[in-house]
Amino acid sequence: MSTENKSIFKKIAEKFGVGKEPEEPVEEIREPSDLAAQEEQAEESSVLPPQEISTEEVGPAA
């Protein structure tokens, strides 16, 4: 890789703060109750019985 390319990548890395410690925590801190409720909803949605998909005869588009 040429030195020109390396300097471009270095500028990009500096612009986006790559390799540096974030000034503020990136992840949002959620209340434990919210997280538990979301997990319960995810479990319930995965247990739903499969629904039959009705197939109708469709004519060609006019």
PDB file of N, CA and C in Angstrom:
ATOM      1  N   MET A   1       0.862  -1.187   0.000  1.00  0.00           N
ATOM      2  CA  MET A   1       0.000   0.000   0.000  1.00  0.00           C
ATOM      3  C   MET A   1       0.900   1.240   0.000  1.00  0.00           C
ATOM      4  N   SER A   2       0.534   2.190  -0.802  1.00  0.00           N
ATOM      5  CA  SER A   2       1.359   3.395  -0.886  1.00  0.00           C
ATOM      6  C   SER A   2       1.183   4.262   0.359  1.00  0.00           C
ATOM      7  N   THR A   3       2.161   5.136   0.571  1.00  0.00           N
ATOM      8  CA  THR A   3       2.080   6.017   1.740  1.00  0.00           C
ATOM      9  C   THR A   3       0.911   6.980   1.611  1.00  0.00           C
ATOM     10  N   GLU A   4       0.535   7.298   0.365  1.00  0.00           N
ATOM     11  CA  GLU A   4      -0.612   8.196   0.154  1.00  0.00           C
ATOM     12  C   GLU A   4      -1.893   7.539   0.665  1.00  0.00           C
ATOM     13  N   ASN A   5      -2.082   6.259   0.329  1.00  0.00           N
ATOM     14  CA  ASN A   5      -3.266   5.536   0.796  1.00  0.00           C
ATOM     15  C   ASN A   5      -3.278   5.430   2.309  1.00  0.00           C
ATOM     16  N   LYS A   6      -2.124   5.167   2.906  1.00  0.00           N
ATOM     17  CA  LYS A   6      -2.054   5.046   4.365  1.00  0.00           C
ATOM     18  C   LYS A   6      -2.461   6.351   5.036  1.00  0.00           C
ATOM     19  N   SER A   7      -2.027   7.474   4.474  1.00  0.00           N
ATOM     20  CA  SER A   7      -2.366   8.758   5.092  1.00  0.00           C
ATOM     21  C   SER A   7      -3.863   9.036   4.971  1.00  0.00           C
ATOM     22  N   ILE A   8      -4.470   8.605   3.863  1.00  0.00           N
ATOM     23  CA  ILE A   8      -5.919   8.795   3.689  1.00  0.00           C
ATOM     24  C   ILE A   8      -6.666   7.988   4.752  1.00  0.00           C
ATOM     25  N   PHE A   9      -6.253   6.722   4.924  1.00  0.00           N
ATOM     26  CA  PHE A   9      -6.915   5.893   5.928  1.00  0.00           C
ATOM     27  C   PHE A   9      -6.704   6.450   7.328  1.00  0.00           C
ATOM     28  N   LYS A  10      -5.528   7.007   7.573  1.00  0.00           N
ATOM     29  CA  LYS A  10      -5.250   7.578   8.884  1.00  0.00           C
ATOM     30  C   LYS A  10      -6.167   8.769   9.147  1.00  0.00           C
ATOM     31  N   LYS A  11      -6.381   9.606   8.112  1.00  0.00           N
ATOM     32  CA  LYS A  11      -7.277  10.760   8.266  1.00  0.00           C
ATOM     33  C   LYS A  11      -8.701  10.292   8.557  1.00  0.00           C
ATOM     34  N   ILE A  12      -9.137   9.258   7.834  1.00  0.00           N
ATOM     35  CA  ILE A  12     -10.493   8.735   8.046  1.00  0.00           C
ATOM     36  C   ILE A  12     -10.616   8.184   9.464  1.00  0.00           C
ATOM     37  N   ALA A  13      -9.609   7.436   9.905  1.00  0.00           N
ATOM     38  CA  ALA A  13      -9.640   6.854  11.251  1.00  0.00           C
ATOM     39  C   ALA A  13      -9.700   7.946  12.309  1.00  0.00           C
ATOM     40  N   GLU A  14      -8.942   9.021  12.105  1.00  0.00           N
ATOM     41  CA  GLU A  14      -8.969  10.120  13.071  1.00  0.00           C
ATOM     42  C   GLU A  14     -10.328  10.811  13.072  1.00  0.00           C
ATOM     43  N   LYS A  15     -10.909  10.960  11.878  1.00  0.00           N
ATOM     44  CA  LYS A  15     -12.207  11.636  11.775  1.00  0.00           C
ATOM     45  C   LYS A  15     -13.284  10.873  12.547  1.00  0.00           C
ATOM     46  N   PHE A  16     -13.282   9.549  12.408  1.00  0.00           N
ATOM     47  CA  PHE A  16     -14.316   8.746  13.055  1.00  0.00           C
ATOM     48  C   PHE A  16     -13.910   8.260  14.434  1.00  0.00           C
ATOM     49  N   GLY A  17     -12.720   8.617  14.883  1.00  0.00           N
ATOM     50  CA  GLY A  17     -12.295   8.235  16.223  1.00  0.00           C
ATOM     51  C   GLY A  17     -12.000   6.760  16.360  1.00  0.00           C
ATOM     52  N   VAL A  18     -11.519   6.126  15.277  1.00  0.00           N
ATOM     53  CA  VAL A  18     -11.209   4.705  15.337  1.00  0.00           C
ATOM     54  C   VAL A  18      -9.977   4.507  16.209  1.00  0.00           C
ATOM     55  N   GLY A  19     -10.042   3.526  17.103  1.00  0.00           N
ATOM     56  CA  GLY A  19      -8.898   3.219  17.943  1.00  0.00           C
ATOM     57  C   GLY A  19      -8.805   4.079  19.188  1.00  0.00           C
ATOM     58  N   LYS A  20      -9.768   4.942  19.402  1.00  0.00           N
ATOM     59  CA  LYS A  20      -9.752   5.784  20.596  1.00  0.00           C
ATOM     60  C   LYS A  20     -10.861   5.334  21.540  1.00  0.00           C
ATOM     61  N   GLU A  21     -10.689   5.644  22.806  1.00  0.00           N
ATOM     62  CA  GLU A  21     -11.737   5.338  23.770  1.00  0.00           C
ATOM     63  C   GLU A  21     -12.897   6.304  23.558  1.00  0.00           C
ATOM     64  N   PRO A  22     -14.129   5.813  23.516  1.00  0.00           N
ATOM     65  CA  PRO A  22     -15.268   6.721  23.356  1.00  0.00           C
ATOM     66  C   PRO A  22     -15.397   7.651  24.555  1.00  0.00           C
ATOM     67  N   GLU A  23     -15.759   8.894  24.266  1.00  0.00           N
ATOM     68  CA  GLU A  23     -15.910   9.869  25.343  1.00  0.00           C
ATOM     69  C   GLU A  23     -17.126   9.551  26.201  1.00  0.00           C
ATOM     70  N   GLU A  24     -18.187   9.075  25.556  1.00  0.00           N
ATOM     71  CA  GLU A  24     -19.406   8.705  26.272  1.00  0.00           C
ATOM     72  C   GLU A  24     -19.718   7.255  25.939  1.00  0.00           C
ATOM     73  N   PRO A  25     -20.344   6.527  26.851  1.00  0.00           N
ATOM     74  CA  PRO A  25     -20.721   5.153  26.522  1.00  0.00           C
ATOM     75  C   PRO A  25     -21.660   5.129  25.325  1.00  0.00           C
ATOM     76  N   VAL A  26     -21.390   4.222  24.397  1.00  0.00           N
ATOM     77  CA  VAL A  26     -22.174   4.177  23.167  1.00  0.00           C
ATOM     78  C   VAL A  26     -23.514   3.494  23.395  1.00  0.00           C
ATOM     79  N   GLU A  27     -23.505   2.393  24.149  1.00  0.00           N
ATOM     80  CA  GLU A  27     -24.742   1.644  24.324  1.00  0.00           C
ATOM     81  C   GLU A  27     -25.666   2.333  25.316  1.00  0.00           C
ATOM     82  N   GLU A  28     -26.944   2.232  25.031  1.00  0.00           N
ATOM     83  CA  GLU A  28     -27.924   2.831  25.929  1.00  0.00           C
ATOM     84  C   GLU A  28     -28.157   1.870  27.094  1.00  0.00           C
ATOM     85  N   ILE A  29     -28.273   2.434  28.273  1.00  0.00           N
ATOM     86  CA  ILE A  29     -28.512   1.597  29.447  1.00  0.00           C
ATOM     87  C   ILE A  29     -30.024   1.504  29.646  1.00  0.00           C
ATOM     88  N   ARG A  30     -30.529   0.282  29.587  1.00  0.00           N
ATOM     89  CA  ARG A  30     -31.972   0.083  29.724  1.00  0.00           C
ATOM     90  C   ARG A  30     -32.274  -0.427  31.123  1.00  0.00           C
ATOM     91  N   GLU A  31     -33.492  -0.164  31.530  1.00  0.00           N
ATOM     92  CA  GLU A  31     -33.937  -0.680  32.821  1.00  0.00           C
ATOM     93  C   GLU A  31     -34.063  -2.199  32.714  1.00  0.00           C
ATOM     94  N   PRO A  32     -33.692  -2.927  33.749  1.00  0.00           N
ATOM     95  CA  PRO A  32     -33.792  -4.393  33.703  1.00  0.00           C
ATOM     96  C   PRO A  32     -35.207  -4.882  33.411  1.00  0.00           C
ATOM     97  N   SER A  33     -36.211  -4.164  33.918  1.00  0.00           N
ATOM     98  CA  SER A  33     -37.591  -4.588  33.689  1.00  0.00           C
ATOM     99  C   SER A  33     -37.946  -4.498  32.210  1.00  0.00           C
ATOM    100  N   ASP A  34     -37.447  -3.465  31.514  1.00  0.00           N
ATOM    101  CA  ASP A  34     -37.710  -3.332  30.084  1.00  0.00           C
ATOM    102  C   ASP A  34     -37.096  -4.499  29.322  1.00  0.00           C
ATOM    103  N   LEU A  35     -35.873  -4.854  29.682  1.00  0.00           N
ATOM    104  CA  LEU A  35     -35.175  -5.936  29.004  1.00  0.00           C
ATOM    105  C   LEU A  35     -35.905  -7.255  29.221  1.00  0.00           C
ATOM    106  N   ALA A  36     -36.364  -7.493  30.448  1.00  0.00           N
ATOM    107  CA  ALA A  36     -37.084  -8.725  30.750  1.00  0.00           C
ATOM    108  C   ALA A  36     -38.388  -8.784  29.958  1.00  0.00           C
ATOM    109  N   ALA A  37     -39.085  -7.657  29.855  1.00  0.00           N
ATOM    110  CA  ALA A  37     -40.337  -7.621  29.104  1.00  0.00           C
ATOM    111  C   ALA A  37     -40.080  -7.897  27.630  1.00  0.00           C
ATOM    112  N   GLN A  38     -39.002  -7.360  27.092  1.00  0.00           N
ATOM    113  CA  GLN A  38     -38.677  -7.597  25.683  1.00  0.00           C
ATOM    114  C   GLN A  38     -38.360  -9.069  25.442  1.00  0.00           C
ATOM    115  N   GLU A  39     -37.629  -9.693  26.369  1.00  0.00           N
ATOM    116  CA  GLU A  39     -37.300 -11.107  26.215  1.00  0.00           C
ATOM    117  C   GLU A  39     -38.561 -11.957  26.250  1.00  0.00           C
ATOM    118  N   GLU A  40     -39.507 -11.609  27.142  1.00  0.00           N
ATOM    119  CA  GLU A  40     -40.758 -12.364  27.218  1.00  0.00           C
ATOM    120  C   GLU A  40     -41.535 -12.234  25.913  1.00  0.00           C
ATOM    121  N   GLN A  41     -41.587 -11.020  25.361  1.00  0.00           N
ATOM    122  CA  GLN A  41     -42.295 -10.823  24.101  1.00  0.00           C
ATOM    123  C   GLN A  41     -41.647 -11.635  22.989  1.00  0.00           C
ATOM    124  N   ALA A  42     -40.325 -11.680  22.961  1.00  0.00           N
ATOM    125  CA  ALA A  42     -39.618 -12.435  21.930  1.00  0.00           C
ATOM    126  C   ALA A  42     -39.938 -13.919  22.049  1.00  0.00           C
ATOM    127  N   GLU A  43     -39.980 -14.431  23.291  1.00  0.00           N
ATOM    128  CA  GLU A  43     -40.302 -15.839  23.492  1.00  0.00           C
ATOM    129  C   GLU A  43     -41.729 -16.130  23.052  1.00  0.00           C
ATOM    130  N   GLU A  44     -42.664 -15.254  23.402  1.00  0.00           N
ATOM    131  CA  GLU A  44     -44.061 -15.470  23.039  1.00  0.00           C
ATOM    132  C   GLU A  44     -44.235 -15.450  21.528  1.00  0.00           C
ATOM    133  N   SER A  45     -43.566 -14.524  20.855  1.00  0.00           N
ATOM    134  CA  SER A  45     -43.745 -14.415  19.412  1.00  0.00           C
ATOM    135  C   SER A  45     -43.163 -15.628  18.691  1.00  0.00           C
ATOM    136  N   SER A  46     -42.136 -16.257  19.256  1.00  0.00           N
ATOM    137  CA  SER A  46     -41.542 -17.413  18.593  1.00  0.00           C
ATOM    138  C   SER A  46     -42.366 -18.678  18.827  1.00  0.00           C
ATOM    139  N   VAL A  47     -43.313 -18.640  19.776  1.00  0.00           N
ATOM    140  CA  VAL A  47     -44.110 -19.819  20.095  1.00  0.00           C
ATOM    141  C   VAL A  47     -45.448 -19.814  19.353  1.00  0.00           C
ATOM    142  N   LEU A  48     -45.738 -18.749  18.630  1.00  0.00           N
ATOM    143  CA  LEU A  48     -47.017 -18.673  17.926  1.00  0.00           C
ATOM    144  C   LEU A  48     -47.159 -19.833  16.944  1.00  0.00           C
ATOM    145  N   PRO A  49     -48.353 -20.420  16.863  1.00  0.00           N
ATOM    146  CA  PRO A  49     -48.557 -21.521  15.922  1.00  0.00           C
ATOM    147  C   PRO A  49     -48.488 -21.010  14.485  1.00  0.00           C
ATOM    148  N   PRO A  50     -47.999 -21.834  13.580  1.00  0.00           N
ATOM    149  CA  PRO A  50     -47.942 -21.394  12.179  1.00  0.00           C
ATOM    150  C   PRO A  50     -49.345 -21.184  11.632  1.00  0.00           C
ATOM    151  N   GLN A  51     -49.516 -20.131  10.874  1.00  0.00           N
ATOM    152  CA  GLN A  51     -50.826 -19.833  10.306  1.00  0.00           C
ATOM    153  C   GLN A  51     -50.848 -20.296   8.855  1.00  0.00           C
ATOM    154  N   GLU A  52     -52.018 -20.781   8.447  1.00  0.00           N
ATOM    155  CA  GLU A  52     -52.133 -21.219   7.063  1.00  0.00           C
ATOM    156  C   GLU A  52     -52.199 -20.000   6.156  1.00  0.00           C
ATOM    157  N   ILE A  53     -51.498 -20.085   5.046  1.00  0.00           N
ATOM    158  CA  ILE A  53     -51.520 -18.989   4.084  1.00  0.00           C
ATOM    159  C   ILE A  53     -52.521 -19.368   3.002  1.00  0.00           C
ATOM    160  N   SER A  54     -53.530 -18.535   2.854  1.00  0.00           N
ATOM    161  CA  SER A  54     -54.541 -18.845   1.849  1.00  0.00           C
ATOM    162  C   SER A  54     -53.981 -18.531   0.467  1.00  0.00           C
ATOM    163  N   THR A  55     -54.172 -19.483  -0.429  1.00  0.00           N
ATOM    164  CA  THR A  55     -53.698 -19.263  -1.797  1.00  0.00           C
ATOM    165  C   THR A  55     -54.907 -19.067  -2.683  1.00  0.00           C
ATOM    166  N   GLU A  56     -54.934 -17.948  -3.368  1.00  0.00           N
ATOM    167  CA  GLU A  56     -56.037 -17.658  -4.271  1.00  0.00           C
ATOM    168  C   GLU A  56     -55.515 -17.649  -5.700  1.00  0.00           C
ATOM    169  N   GLU A  57     -56.375 -18.067  -6.613  1.00  0.00           N
ATOM    170  CA  GLU A  57     -55.995 -18.008  -8.022  1.00  0.00           C
ATOM    171  C   GLU A  57     -56.013 -16.557  -8.458  1.00  0.00           C
ATOM    172  N   VAL A  58     -54.917 -16.100  -9.006  1.00  0.00           N
ATOM    173  CA  VAL A  58     -54.829 -14.719  -9.448  1.00  0.00           C
ATOM    174  C   VAL A  58     -54.610 -14.724 -10.944  1.00  0.00           C
ATOM    175  N   GLY A  59     -55.439 -13.967 -11.651  1.00  0.00           N
ATOM    176  CA  GLY A  59     -55.310 -13.893 -13.103  1.00  0.00           C
ATOM    177  C   GLY A  59     -54.159 -12.990 -13.503  1.00  0.00           C
ATOM    178  N   PRO A  60     -53.781 -13.039 -14.754  1.00  0.00           N
ATOM    179  CA  PRO A  60     -52.697 -12.174 -15.222  1.00  0.00           C
ATOM    180  C   PRO A  60     -53.086 -10.707 -15.109  1.00  0.00           C
ATOM    181  N   ALA A  61     -52.111  -9.867 -14.862  1.00  0.00           N
ATOM    182  CA  ALA A  61     -52.378  -8.434 -14.728  1.00  0.00           C
ATOM    183  C   ALA A  61     -52.881  -7.881 -16.045  1.00  0.00           C
ATOM    184  N   ALA A  62     -53.904  -7.023 -15.964  1.00  0.00           N
ATOM    185  CA  ALA A  62     -54.482  -6.483 -17.193  1.00  0.00           C
ATOM    186  C   ALA A  62     -53.688  -5.290 -17.677  1.00  0.00           C
TER     187      ALA A  62
END
